[in-house]
Amino acid sequence: MDKVVLITGASSGIGWATAKLLATAGHRVVLGARRIERLEKLAAEIRADGGEVDFRALDVTDAADVRSFVESAREKYGRVDVIVNNAGVMPLSKLEALKVDEWNRMIDVNVRGVLHGIAAGLPLMKQQGGGQFVNIASIGAYAVSPTAAVYCATKYAVWAISEGLRQEAGGDIRVSVISPGVTESELAESISDLGGRDEMRTYRAISIPASAIAAAIAFAIDQPSEVDVNEIVVRPTAAA
């Protein structure tokens, strides 16, 4: 059955690839991101391929904006089946660099952004008798590395919040955590620390395409309603 799928952070990388794949599969996708011009381009491509798509500018750090995003989808389609909480930033640096503003930005986008998606979608999903959250974490949720302490903390928080939601939500809400390894994306562009950026370029030499993560998301979404895929970790084969 086609589903109404909302995707945050849809203007590039995993969000972009997921929107394209799900629309091609017949799902109705509703896209949100800060860069509206990128969403316009993506929507045009999806429509050219025969897919159904809506989009709007979205700041996931603004709880009211996220509520409006979800409510507008419900008003148009009558339901919201899936929310993919994908928006994220990764400005890596050593703690001693004291980039407090960047720490706060990661907390606001990576953690509060997910919580805002849950707060906007959970009451509606409860009311309609079902739904699914797909929260994008990272292998950083499972292992910490230098320069990534705060980033890893935010992604562990995504995992912990998702597990708590799974336990609390009951039998009608599905919760899936997708944890990508090194993947082609624009996240590295948010790294202001020059050393961290150089390290990330080397690290990304074995990156897998965003379409691989999109396929994992689609797998979790397309399972029968009685099947809840809780966690998927996707790494490059060449990863240590």
Protein backbone atom coordinates (compact mmCIF):
# COMPACT_ATOMS: atom_id res chain seq x y z
CA MET A 1 0.00 0.00 0.00
CA ASP A 2 1.28 3.47 -0.79
CA LYS A 3 2.08 5.47 2.32
CA VAL A 4 2.36 9.15 3.20
CA VAL A 5 6.01 9.58 4.16
CA LEU A 6 7.44 12.79 5.61
CA ILE A 7 11.20 13.30 5.29
CA THR A 8 13.23 15.98 7.05
CA GLY A 9 16.62 17.06 5.76
CA ALA A 10 15.46 16.10 2.27
CA SER A 11 17.51 18.62 0.30
CA SER A 12 20.61 16.42 -0.08
CA GLY A 13 22.27 13.11 0.72
CA ILE A 14 20.25 10.43 2.44
CA GLY A 15 17.07 12.51 2.52
CA TRP A 16 17.24 13.23 -1.21
CA ALA A 17 17.97 9.60 -2.13
CA THR A 18 15.20 8.33 0.15
CA ALA A 19 12.64 10.70 -1.35
CA LYS A 20 13.51 9.56 -4.86
CA LEU A 21 13.39 5.87 -4.00
CA LEU A 22 10.14 5.97 -2.03
CA ALA A 23 8.39 8.12 -4.63
CA THR A 24 9.46 5.70 -7.36
CA ALA A 25 7.97 2.87 -5.26
CA GLY A 26 4.61 4.67 -5.22
CA HIS A 27 4.67 6.33 -1.82
CA ARG A 28 3.54 9.94 -1.42
CA VAL A 29 6.49 11.91 -0.09
CA VAL A 30 6.36 15.20 1.79
CA LEU A 31 9.74 16.89 2.00
CA GLY A 32 11.12 19.43 4.43
CA ALA A 33 14.47 21.23 4.61
CA ARG A 34 15.92 24.71 4.97
CA ARG A 35 17.06 24.99 1.34
CA ILE A 36 13.79 25.42 -0.50
CA GLU A 37 15.47 25.78 -3.90
CA ARG A 38 16.92 22.29 -3.54
CA LEU A 39 13.51 20.90 -2.63
CA GLU A 40 12.01 22.55 -5.71
CA LYS A 41 14.59 20.79 -7.89
CA LEU A 42 14.01 17.44 -6.19
CA ALA A 43 10.24 17.76 -6.46
CA ALA A 44 10.52 18.53 -10.17
CA GLU A 45 12.58 15.37 -10.70
CA ILE A 46 10.11 13.24 -8.76
CA ARG A 47 7.12 14.62 -10.66
CA ALA A 48 8.90 14.09 -13.98
CA ASP A 49 9.20 10.43 -13.04
CA GLY A 50 5.49 10.23 -12.20
CA GLY A 51 5.80 10.45 -8.41
CA GLU A 52 3.66 12.39 -5.97
CA VAL A 53 5.45 14.95 -3.81
CA ASP A 54 4.87 18.02 -1.69
CA PHE A 55 7.49 20.16 0.01
CA ARG A 56 7.99 23.17 2.23
CA ALA A 57 10.77 25.00 4.02
CA LEU A 58 11.40 23.45 7.43
CA ASP A 59 13.57 24.22 10.45
CA VAL A 60 13.57 21.12 12.65
CA THR A 61 14.90 23.13 15.60
CA ASP A 62 11.57 25.00 15.69
CA ALA A 63 8.93 22.77 17.31
CA ALA A 64 6.06 24.86 15.95
CA ASP A 65 7.44 24.65 12.43
CA VAL A 66 7.66 20.87 12.66
CA ARG A 67 4.08 20.67 13.96
CA SER A 68 2.94 22.77 11.02
CA PHE A 69 4.87 20.53 8.61
CA VAL A 70 3.16 17.41 9.94
CA GLU A 71 -0.27 19.00 10.20
CA SER A 72 -0.18 20.31 6.64
CA ALA A 73 0.53 16.77 5.40
CA ARG A 74 -2.35 15.42 7.46
CA GLU A 75 -4.70 18.08 6.11
CA LYS A 76 -3.83 17.21 2.51
CA TYR A 77 -3.69 13.43 2.71
CA GLY A 78 -5.80 12.62 5.76
CA ARG A 79 -3.01 10.70 7.46
CA VAL A 80 0.72 10.52 8.11
CA ASP A 81 2.09 7.01 7.92
CA VAL A 82 5.83 7.53 8.33
CA ILE A 83 8.09 10.30 9.59
CA VAL A 84 11.75 9.97 8.62
CA ASN A 85 13.73 12.13 11.07
CA ASN A 86 16.79 12.55 8.92
CA ALA A 87 17.99 16.15 9.35
CA GLY A 88 21.45 16.29 10.91
CA VAL A 89 24.71 18.23 11.16
CA MET A 90 28.24 17.05 11.92
CA PRO A 91 30.70 19.88 12.69
CA LEU A 92 33.45 17.71 14.18
CA SER A 93 36.24 19.11 16.36
CA LYS A 94 38.19 18.16 19.45
CA LEU A 95 36.57 19.17 22.71
CA GLU A 96 39.56 21.36 23.56
CA ALA A 97 38.65 23.58 20.59
CA LEU A 98 35.65 24.68 22.69
CA LYS A 99 33.32 25.17 19.73
CA VAL A 100 30.33 25.55 22.02
CA ASP A 101 28.10 27.07 19.35
CA GLU A 102 28.68 24.02 17.16
CA TRP A 103 27.96 21.69 20.06
CA ASN A 104 24.66 23.48 20.62
CA ARG A 105 23.82 23.33 16.92
CA MET A 106 24.33 19.55 16.90
CA ILE A 107 22.15 19.16 19.97
CA ASP A 108 19.45 21.38 18.47
CA VAL A 109 19.32 19.66 15.07
CA ASN A 110 20.32 16.08 15.82
CA VAL A 111 18.46 15.61 19.11
CA ARG A 112 15.78 18.27 19.42
CA GLY A 113 14.96 17.88 15.74
CA VAL A 114 14.11 14.22 16.31
CA LEU A 115 12.15 15.00 19.45
CA HIS A 116 10.18 17.67 17.61
CA GLY A 117 9.31 15.14 14.90
CA ILE A 118 8.11 12.69 17.53
CA ALA A 119 6.12 15.35 19.38
CA ALA A 120 4.41 16.43 16.16
CA GLY A 121 3.68 12.95 14.85
CA LEU A 122 2.99 10.74 17.86
CA PRO A 123 -0.44 12.12 18.85
CA LEU A 124 -1.61 11.89 15.25
CA MET A 125 -0.34 8.33 14.82
CA LYS A 126 -2.01 7.32 18.06
CA GLN A 127 -5.25 8.89 16.89
CA GLN A 128 -5.19 7.18 13.50
CA GLY A 129 -4.23 3.82 15.01
CA GLY A 130 -0.76 3.36 13.59
CA GLY A 131 2.36 4.86 12.09
CA GLN A 132 6.13 4.60 11.99
CA PHE A 133 9.12 6.71 12.95
CA VAL A 134 12.37 6.13 11.10
CA ASN A 135 15.14 7.91 12.97
CA ILE A 136 18.55 8.30 11.35
CA ALA A 137 21.37 7.71 13.82
CA SER A 138 24.93 6.71 12.87
CA ILE A 139 27.62 4.19 13.65
CA GLY A 140 28.65 7.03 15.94
CA ALA A 141 25.82 5.86 18.19
CA TYR A 142 27.84 2.71 18.91
CA ALA A 143 31.47 3.90 19.03
CA VAL A 144 33.16 7.20 19.85
CA SER A 145 36.15 8.58 17.96
CA PRO A 146 38.36 11.66 18.43
CA THR A 147 36.75 14.93 17.25
CA ALA A 148 33.33 13.25 17.30
CA ALA A 149 32.46 13.17 21.01
CA VAL A 150 29.49 15.52 20.83
CA TYR A 151 28.29 14.19 17.47
CA CYS A 152 28.41 10.63 18.78
CA ALA A 153 26.57 11.73 21.92
CA THR A 154 23.76 13.17 19.81
CA LYS A 155 23.49 10.01 17.76
CA TYR A 156 23.49 7.83 20.86
CA ALA A 157 20.65 10.04 22.07
CA VAL A 158 18.75 9.30 18.85
CA TRP A 159 19.17 5.59 19.52
CA ALA A 160 18.11 5.91 23.18
CA ILE A 161 15.08 8.08 22.39
CA SER A 162 14.02 5.65 19.68
CA GLU A 163 14.31 2.65 21.98
CA GLY A 164 12.31 4.41 24.66
CA LEU A 165 9.64 5.34 22.13
CA ARG A 166 9.48 1.75 20.89
CA GLN A 167 8.87 0.47 24.41
CA GLU A 168 6.32 3.13 25.28
CA ALA A 169 4.34 3.39 22.06
CA GLY A 170 2.56 0.05 22.25
CA GLY A 171 1.67 -2.29 19.45
CA ASP A 172 0.47 0.25 16.89
CA ILE A 173 3.57 2.44 16.40
CA ARG A 174 6.68 1.10 14.69
CA VAL A 175 10.11 2.60 15.44
CA SER A 176 13.17 2.00 13.28
CA VAL A 177 16.71 3.30 13.78
CA ILE A 178 18.91 3.37 10.69
CA SER A 179 22.61 3.82 11.47
CA PRO A 180 24.78 4.62 8.45
CA GLY A 181 28.49 4.10 8.33
CA VAL A 182 30.52 6.46 6.16
CA THR A 183 28.14 7.59 3.44
CA GLU A 184 28.31 10.12 0.63
CA SER A 185 26.71 13.30 1.95
CA GLU A 186 27.25 17.00 2.56
CA LEU A 187 27.73 16.53 6.32
CA ALA A 188 31.48 16.98 6.06
CA GLU A 189 30.93 20.48 4.69
CA SER A 190 29.72 21.56 8.14
CA ILE A 191 33.13 20.77 9.70
CA SER A 192 34.79 24.11 10.45
CA ASP A 193 37.86 22.56 12.10
CA LEU A 194 40.45 22.19 9.33
CA GLY A 195 42.10 19.13 10.86
CA GLY A 196 38.76 17.42 11.31
CA ARG A 197 37.77 18.22 7.73
CA ASP A 198 41.00 16.72 6.35
CA GLU A 199 40.53 13.59 8.46
CA MET A 200 36.97 13.24 7.21
CA ARG A 201 38.07 13.47 3.57
CA THR A 202 40.39 10.52 4.17
CA TYR A 203 37.71 8.64 6.09
CA ARG A 204 35.22 9.13 3.28
CA ALA A 205 37.45 7.47 0.69
CA ILE A 206 35.47 4.24 1.18
CA SER A 207 32.04 5.84 1.46
CA ILE A 208 28.92 4.11 0.18
CA PRO A 209 26.23 5.94 -1.80
CA ALA A 210 23.26 7.53 -0.05
CA SER A 211 21.06 5.19 -2.09
CA ALA A 212 22.28 2.29 0.07
CA ILE A 213 20.83 3.96 3.17
CA ALA A 214 17.66 4.84 1.29
CA ALA A 215 17.24 1.15 0.47
CA ALA A 216 17.52 0.25 4.16
CA ILE A 217 14.89 2.85 5.04
CA ALA A 218 12.59 1.51 2.32
CA PHE A 219 13.06 -2.03 3.66
CA ALA A 220 11.96 -0.99 7.14
CA ILE A 221 8.96 0.92 5.83
CA ASP A 222 7.78 -1.81 3.46
CA GLN A 223 7.53 -4.58 6.05
CA PRO A 224 4.05 -5.89 6.97
CA SER A 225 2.39 -3.93 9.77
CA GLU A 226 3.06 -6.70 12.29
CA VAL A 227 6.83 -6.53 11.62
CA ASP A 228 8.87 -3.78 13.28
CA VAL A 229 12.46 -3.53 12.06
CA ASN A 230 14.08 -1.85 15.07
CA GLU A 231 17.68 -1.33 13.98
CA ILE A 232 19.71 -1.50 10.78
CA VAL A 233 23.44 -0.71 10.66
CA VAL A 234 24.81 -0.15 7.15
CA ARG A 235 28.58 0.07 6.68
CA PRO A 236 30.93 -0.02 3.69
CA THR A 237 32.24 -3.53 3.17
CA ALA A 238 35.76 -2.11 3.38
CA ALA A 239 35.17 -0.52 6.79
CA ALA A 240 37.33 -1.78 9.64
